[in-house]
Protein backbone atom coordinates (compact mmCIF):
# COMPACT_ATOMS: atom_id res chain seq x y z
CA MET A 1 38.36 20.42 6.22
CA SER A 2 36.56 17.32 4.92
CA TYR A 3 34.32 15.26 7.19
CA ALA A 4 34.01 12.46 4.60
CA GLY A 5 35.74 9.75 6.64
CA LYS A 6 33.97 10.59 9.91
CA ASN A 7 30.60 10.84 8.16
CA LEU A 8 31.04 7.54 6.32
CA ARG A 9 31.72 5.72 9.57
CA TYR A 10 28.72 7.41 11.23
CA LEU A 11 26.34 6.64 8.35
CA ARG A 12 27.50 3.02 8.13
CA LYS A 13 26.94 2.43 11.84
CA LEU A 14 23.61 4.26 11.67
CA ARG A 15 22.38 1.54 9.29
CA GLY A 16 24.06 -1.25 11.26
CA TRP A 17 26.23 -2.32 8.33
CA THR A 18 29.63 -3.96 8.62
CA GLN A 19 32.46 -2.58 6.52
CA GLU A 20 32.06 -5.59 4.23
CA GLU A 21 28.33 -4.93 3.75
CA PHE A 22 28.93 -1.23 3.13
CA ALA A 23 31.68 -2.07 0.63
CA ASN A 24 29.32 -4.37 -1.29
CA LYS A 25 26.73 -1.61 -1.55
CA LEU A 26 29.39 0.79 -2.85
CA ASN A 27 30.91 -1.87 -5.15
CA ILE A 28 34.39 -1.36 -3.68
CA LYS A 29 36.80 -3.42 -1.59
CA ARG A 30 36.30 -3.61 2.18
CA SER A 31 39.85 -2.31 2.72
CA LEU A 32 38.88 0.91 0.97
CA VAL A 33 36.01 1.50 3.40
CA GLY A 34 38.50 1.17 6.25
CA ALA A 35 40.91 3.55 4.54
CA TYR A 36 38.16 6.13 4.02
CA GLU A 37 36.90 5.91 7.60
CA GLU A 38 40.44 6.20 9.01
CA GLU A 39 41.10 9.12 6.64
CA ARG A 40 44.04 7.35 5.01
CA ALA A 41 42.40 7.93 1.61
CA GLU A 42 39.79 10.22 0.08
CA PRO A 43 36.72 8.58 -1.55
CA ARG A 44 36.47 8.93 -5.32
CA LEU A 45 33.71 11.14 -6.71
CA GLU A 46 31.69 8.21 -8.05
CA VAL A 47 31.77 6.57 -4.60
CA LEU A 48 30.64 9.80 -2.95
CA GLU A 49 27.74 10.07 -5.40
CA VAL A 50 26.57 6.54 -4.51
CA ILE A 51 26.75 7.37 -0.79
CA CYS A 52 24.76 10.58 -1.34
CA GLY A 53 22.10 8.57 -3.16
CA LEU A 54 21.90 5.98 -0.39
CA PHE A 55 21.44 8.54 2.37
CA LYS A 56 19.67 11.35 0.46
CA LEU A 57 22.47 13.84 1.05
CA SER A 58 24.18 16.48 -1.06
CA LEU A 59 27.94 16.37 -1.67
CA ASP A 60 28.35 19.52 0.42
CA GLU A 61 26.57 17.92 3.38
CA LEU A 62 28.64 14.75 3.11
CA LEU A 63 31.98 16.53 2.79
CA LEU A 64 31.59 19.78 4.70
CA GLU A 65 29.16 19.02 7.55
CA ASP A 66 29.78 16.98 10.67
CA LEU A 67 26.66 14.81 10.54
CA THR A 68 27.30 13.47 14.04
CA ALA A 69 27.16 16.92 15.65
CA SER A 70 24.06 18.20 17.39
CA GLY A 71 24.79 21.69 16.10
CA GLY A 72 25.89 21.00 12.54
CA LYS A 73 25.75 23.53 9.76
CA GLY A 74 22.98 23.89 7.21
CA ASN A 75 19.40 22.62 7.14
CA GLY A 76 18.67 24.19 10.52
CA GLY A 77 21.39 22.27 12.40
CA GLY A 78 21.09 18.90 14.10
CA SER A 79 22.61 15.51 13.32
CA TYR A 80 21.77 13.58 10.17
CA LEU A 81 19.52 11.27 12.17
CA ASP A 82 17.70 14.24 13.73
CA LYS A 83 17.14 15.76 10.28
CA ARG A 84 15.74 12.53 8.87
CA ARG A 85 13.34 12.25 11.81
CA GLN A 86 12.22 15.84 11.28
CA MET A 87 11.63 15.18 7.58
CA LYS A 88 9.47 12.15 8.37
CA MET A 89 7.46 14.08 10.93
CA SER A 90 6.90 16.95 8.50
CA VAL A 91 5.29 14.64 5.91
CA GLU A 92 1.55 14.29 6.38
CA VAL A 93 0.79 10.58 6.80
CA GLN A 94 -2.47 9.34 5.30
CA GLN A 95 -4.66 7.88 8.04
CA ILE A 96 -6.74 4.91 6.85
CA HIS A 97 -9.99 4.41 8.74
CA PHE A 98 -10.80 0.76 9.40
CA VAL A 99 -14.37 -0.59 9.21
CA PRO A 100 -14.57 -3.99 10.98
CA VAL A 101 -17.51 -6.32 10.38
CA LYS A 102 -19.06 -5.36 13.74
CA ALA A 103 -19.22 -1.72 12.57
CA ALA A 104 -20.70 -2.49 9.15
CA ALA A 105 -24.31 -1.77 10.10
CA GLY A 106 -23.39 1.52 11.72
CA TYR A 107 -21.26 2.47 8.72
CA LEU A 108 -24.27 2.33 6.39
CA ALA A 109 -25.89 5.07 8.46
CA GLY A 110 -22.75 7.04 9.34
CA TYR A 111 -20.49 6.72 6.29
CA ALA A 112 -20.98 10.40 5.44
CA ASP A 113 -20.81 11.63 9.06
CA PRO A 114 -17.28 12.91 9.86
CA GLU A 115 -17.83 12.38 13.58
CA PHE A 116 -18.75 8.71 13.05
CA VAL A 117 -15.79 8.14 10.72
CA ASP A 118 -13.42 9.81 13.20
CA GLU A 119 -14.45 7.27 15.85
CA LEU A 120 -13.14 4.40 13.70
CA ASN A 121 -9.66 3.04 14.38
CA THR A 122 -6.96 4.10 11.92
CA PHE A 123 -3.64 2.82 10.61
CA THR A 124 -1.14 3.87 7.97
CA LEU A 125 0.45 2.24 4.92
CA PRO A 126 3.34 4.37 3.66
CA MET A 127 3.56 2.56 0.31
CA LEU A 128 0.20 3.92 -0.90
CA ALA A 129 0.07 6.84 -3.31
CA PRO A 130 -1.67 10.04 -2.17
CA GLY A 131 -5.44 9.64 -2.10
CA GLN A 132 -8.43 8.89 0.12
CA TYR A 133 -8.40 5.35 1.48
CA ARG A 134 -10.55 3.19 3.72
CA ALA A 135 -10.19 -0.41 4.92
CA PHE A 136 -13.00 -2.95 5.25
CA GLU A 137 -13.02 -6.38 6.89
CA ILE A 138 -14.75 -9.02 4.77
CA ILE A 139 -16.32 -12.24 6.00
CA GLY A 140 -17.35 -15.26 3.94
CA ASP A 141 -16.01 -17.34 1.07
CA SER A 142 -17.55 -15.55 -1.91
CA MET A 143 -14.20 -14.04 -2.94
CA LEU A 144 -12.01 -17.10 -2.47
CA PRO A 145 -9.09 -17.57 -2.69
CA THR A 146 -9.11 -14.30 -0.70
CA PRO A 147 -9.86 -15.78 2.76
CA SER A 148 -12.62 -14.74 5.11
CA GLY A 149 -11.43 -12.16 7.62
CA SER A 150 -9.20 -10.35 5.12
CA VAL A 151 -8.99 -6.57 5.19
CA ILE A 152 -9.41 -4.81 1.85
CA VAL A 153 -7.82 -1.38 1.54
CA GLY A 154 -9.71 0.64 -1.05
CA GLU A 155 -9.25 4.01 -2.72
CA LYS A 156 -12.34 6.23 -2.97
CA VAL A 157 -14.06 6.32 -6.37
CA THR A 158 -15.80 9.66 -6.72
CA GLU A 159 -17.35 9.15 -10.17
CA MET A 160 -19.11 5.98 -11.33
CA GLU A 161 -17.62 6.56 -14.78
CA ASP A 162 -14.23 5.74 -13.25
CA VAL A 163 -15.30 2.20 -12.34
CA LYS A 164 -13.44 -0.26 -14.58
CA SER A 165 -15.08 -3.52 -15.59
CA SER A 166 -13.59 -6.71 -14.08
CA ASN A 167 -11.70 -4.85 -11.32
CA THR A 168 -12.41 -5.56 -7.65
CA TYR A 169 -14.17 -3.01 -5.44
CA ILE A 170 -15.76 -2.56 -2.07
CA VAL A 171 -19.35 -1.59 -2.90
CA ILE A 172 -21.59 -0.05 -0.24
CA SER A 173 -25.27 -0.07 -1.22
CA LYS A 174 -28.61 0.32 0.50
CA GLY A 175 -29.79 -3.21 -0.22
CA GLU A 176 -26.58 -5.27 -0.03
CA GLY A 177 -24.59 -3.40 2.59
CA ILE A 178 -20.80 -3.72 2.34
CA VAL A 179 -19.58 -6.28 -0.20
CA TYR A 180 -16.28 -7.02 -1.91
CA LYS A 181 -16.88 -8.00 -5.55
CA ARG A 182 -15.77 -7.63 -9.12
CA ILE A 183 -17.83 -5.11 -11.03
CA MET A 184 -19.00 -5.78 -14.58
CA ARG A 185 -20.30 -2.73 -16.42
CA ASN A 186 -23.45 -3.25 -18.49
CA THR A 187 -23.29 -1.12 -21.63
CA LYS A 188 -27.03 -1.45 -22.24
CA ALA A 189 -28.28 -0.92 -18.68
CA LYS A 190 -26.01 1.89 -17.47
CA ASN A 191 -28.04 2.32 -14.30
CA LYS A 192 -27.05 -1.15 -13.09
CA LEU A 193 -23.84 -2.76 -11.91
CA THR A 194 -23.28 -6.51 -12.08
CA LEU A 195 -21.40 -7.78 -9.01
CA VAL A 196 -19.41 -10.98 -9.53
CA SER A 197 -17.77 -13.21 -6.91
CA ASP A 198 -14.37 -14.80 -7.53
CA ASN A 199 -15.82 -18.00 -6.10
CA PRO A 200 -18.02 -19.15 -9.01
CA ILE A 201 -20.46 -21.11 -6.85
CA TYR A 202 -21.99 -17.69 -6.10
CA GLU A 203 -24.19 -16.30 -8.85
CA PRO A 204 -23.63 -12.73 -10.09
CA TYR A 205 -26.32 -10.20 -9.26
CA ASN A 206 -27.23 -6.63 -10.17
CA VAL A 207 -27.52 -3.48 -8.08
CA ASN A 208 -28.99 -0.17 -9.16
CA THR A 209 -26.47 2.64 -9.29
CA GLU A 210 -28.93 4.92 -7.49
CA ASP A 211 -28.76 2.56 -4.49
CA VAL A 212 -24.94 2.66 -4.36
CA LEU A 213 -23.66 4.83 -1.50
CA GLU A 214 -19.91 4.43 -1.96
CA VAL A 215 -17.41 2.58 -4.14
CA TRP A 216 -13.79 1.93 -3.13
CA LYS A 217 -11.34 0.42 -5.61
CA ALA A 218 -9.34 -2.39 -3.99
CA GLN A 219 -5.66 -1.49 -3.72
CA MET A 220 -4.31 -3.91 -1.11
CA ILE A 221 -5.43 -7.10 0.64
CA ILE A 222 -4.24 -7.76 4.19
CA THR A 223 -4.60 -11.34 5.37
CA LYS A 224 -3.39 -13.39 8.31
CA ALA A 225 -0.46 -15.71 7.65
CA ASN A 226 -1.23 -19.31 6.68
CA THR A 227 -4.92 -18.69 5.94
CA GLN A 228 -4.79 -18.83 2.14
CA GLN A 229 -7.43 -21.16 0.73
CA LEU A 230 -6.08 -24.23 -1.07
CA TRP A 231 -8.00 -25.97 -3.86
CA ASP A 232 -7.73 -29.61 -4.93
CA VAL A 233 -7.89 -30.68 -8.60
CA ASN A 234 -11.53 -31.81 -8.48
CA GLN A 235 -12.64 -28.55 -6.88
CA LEU A 236 -10.78 -26.54 -9.49
CA ALA A 237 -12.31 -28.50 -12.36
CA GLY A 238 -15.81 -27.95 -11.01
CA LEU A 239 -15.16 -24.27 -10.41
CA VAL A 240 -13.80 -23.76 -13.93
CA ASN A 241 -16.88 -25.38 -15.48
CA ASN A 242 -19.16 -23.28 -13.27
CA LEU A 243 -17.25 -20.13 -14.16
CA GLN A 244 -17.42 -20.84 -17.90
CA GLU A 245 -21.17 -21.29 -17.64
CA GLN A 246 -21.55 -18.01 -15.74
CA VAL A 247 -19.42 -16.14 -18.29
CA SER A 248 -21.57 -17.48 -21.12
CA ASN A 249 -24.75 -16.39 -19.33
CA LEU A 250 -23.30 -12.94 -18.64
CA LYS A 251 -22.35 -12.49 -22.30
CA LYS A 252 -25.91 -13.38 -23.34
CA LYS A 253 -27.38 -10.87 -20.88
CA ILE A 254 -25.02 -8.06 -21.90
CA SER A 255 -25.44 -8.67 -25.63
């Protein structure tokens, strides 16, 4: 006995799709979806394969199991929806600890203390690849157009050799605290990092690598809606000139 028709109807309604919407996803006519669901026709193999891909099912599950039943066969029983929930719960979700500005001072002292870190609020971002992440709130206009109050999600850098020049990082150091900057590597002075703001009115400065406590490579920026900084033409012209001058000075220092 095939459960194809019953399962197709169940899966379609599970996603909240109309027959027309489901047909478009399967690249078939809407009338065929109705025929399949009413068991007046059997779906072609290529259609079944598309459905299996959409819902992460095997052909056997789609054809031979009643996905609507609470005691279905295979995979430990349970409906399709129950199984998907179990799969999600079985995956370990990466918890991202959030360091707000008000906790910045305490973080400098407790960054390596698991008990302190555990007291921080956490959230998750399922689109991130496996790794160790932390989020930091930044205040100020030194990294415009990234607005003040943005949250930078960074991935832990365990070796300074992995720091790539011109990329953006959260840098935690003894003298400067928590800052969000671009890092420029100095090939001559390997014990120093040059930190550069995206807003060129701020001059670059150096920090000693021995004073650096942590480095987190920026992976995502979370900002409030409608807070993006806008520049007018005169501002942009002045910023470009300032930036060109800073680049020239940096090249002289590095060379």
